[in-house]
Protein backbone atom coordinates (compact mmCIF):
# COMPACT_ATOMS: atom_id res chain seq x y z
CA MET A 1 39.46 37.12 -37.80
CA ALA A 2 37.47 38.96 -35.16
CA THR A 3 40.21 38.65 -32.56
CA SER A 4 42.57 40.74 -34.69
CA ALA A 5 40.68 43.83 -33.50
CA LEU A 6 41.72 43.00 -29.96
CA ALA A 7 45.42 42.91 -30.90
CA GLN A 8 45.41 46.56 -31.97
CA LEU A 9 45.84 49.47 -29.63
CA PRO A 10 42.41 51.02 -29.07
CA ARG A 11 41.79 54.54 -30.27
CA ALA A 12 41.29 57.05 -27.48
CA ALA A 13 37.52 57.12 -28.02
CA VAL A 14 37.14 53.31 -28.17
CA THR A 15 37.12 51.28 -24.99
CA ALA A 16 38.35 47.71 -24.64
CA SER A 17 34.76 46.66 -23.90
CA THR A 18 33.63 48.14 -27.21
CA LEU A 19 36.34 46.27 -29.11
CA PHE A 20 35.56 43.05 -27.25
CA SER A 21 31.83 43.40 -27.88
CA GLY A 22 32.54 44.07 -31.55
CA ALA A 23 34.65 40.92 -31.78
CA LEU A 24 31.85 38.89 -30.16
CA ALA A 25 29.32 40.38 -32.58
CA ALA A 26 31.53 39.50 -35.56
CA LEU A 27 31.44 35.90 -34.33
CA LYS A 28 27.64 36.11 -33.93
CA ILE A 29 27.88 35.70 -30.14
CA ARG A 30 25.33 37.85 -28.32
CA PRO A 31 26.20 38.69 -24.72
CA PRO A 32 25.63 38.30 -21.92
CA LEU A 33 26.77 34.71 -21.77
CA ARG A 34 25.26 32.32 -19.22
CA HIS A 35 25.83 28.84 -17.79
CA ASP A 36 23.32 26.30 -19.13
CA THR A 37 22.79 24.49 -15.84
CA THR A 38 20.98 21.61 -17.57
CA HIS A 39 24.38 20.72 -19.09
CA CYS A 40 27.05 21.44 -16.47
CA GLY A 41 29.91 23.46 -17.94
CA THR A 42 28.09 24.48 -21.13
CA ILE A 43 28.25 28.22 -21.80
CA VAL A 44 25.65 29.74 -24.10
CA ASP A 45 25.01 33.21 -25.43
CA ALA A 46 21.89 35.34 -24.90
CA ASP A 47 20.16 33.48 -27.75
CA GLY A 48 20.92 30.06 -26.21
CA ASN A 49 23.59 29.17 -28.77
CA MET A 50 26.49 27.14 -27.36
CA VAL A 51 29.75 29.09 -27.17
CA PHE A 52 32.06 26.72 -25.26
CA VAL A 53 32.19 23.86 -22.77
CA VAL A 54 34.24 23.77 -19.58
CA ASP A 55 35.77 20.31 -18.95
CA MET A 56 34.25 18.48 -21.88
CA HIS A 57 36.05 15.25 -20.87
CA HIS A 58 34.47 15.25 -17.38
CA GLU A 59 37.80 15.17 -15.53
CA ARG A 60 36.59 17.48 -12.73
CA SER A 61 33.67 17.37 -10.34
CA ASP A 62 30.48 19.24 -11.24
CA ALA A 63 31.19 21.65 -8.38
CA GLU A 64 34.62 22.53 -9.81
CA VAL A 65 33.22 22.84 -13.33
CA THR A 66 30.49 25.16 -12.08
CA ASP A 67 33.03 27.34 -10.28
CA ILE A 68 35.26 27.53 -13.37
CA ALA A 69 32.29 28.28 -15.63
CA GLU A 70 31.08 31.04 -13.32
CA LEU A 71 34.55 32.62 -13.18
CA MET A 72 34.84 32.55 -16.97
CA LEU A 73 31.37 34.07 -17.31
CA LEU A 74 32.22 36.83 -14.88
CA ALA A 75 35.40 37.73 -16.78
CA ILE A 76 33.78 37.61 -20.23
CA ASN A 77 30.54 39.39 -19.33
CA VAL A 78 32.24 42.17 -17.35
CA HIS A 79 34.74 42.72 -20.16
CA ALA A 80 31.81 42.96 -22.58
CA GLY A 81 30.24 45.62 -20.34
CA TYR A 82 27.70 43.53 -18.42
CA LEU A 83 27.97 43.94 -14.67
CA PRO A 84 27.10 40.93 -12.52
CA GLU A 85 23.61 40.86 -11.05
CA ALA A 86 23.41 41.65 -7.35
CA ALA A 87 22.66 38.68 -5.14
CA HIS A 88 19.08 38.72 -3.93
CA GLY A 89 18.92 38.24 -0.21
């Protein structure tokens, strides 16, 4: 399983981001992930393939689901080595 690589102590020359990205690649998930806003809570990879859904039973408001999805994306994408885009003002 791809996650087994994450359970091992990284070698000095290998960063956690490299291991995480390798685990995503083994699962055929291409970062960065994004929120498919046409389907609130649906997270897709760079190729548009669904990865997971936040609140699939619709127990929370769309605003809460969006906030949760954005937090999950931030954590996953940063850990995979993708910095968040700067807000355009």
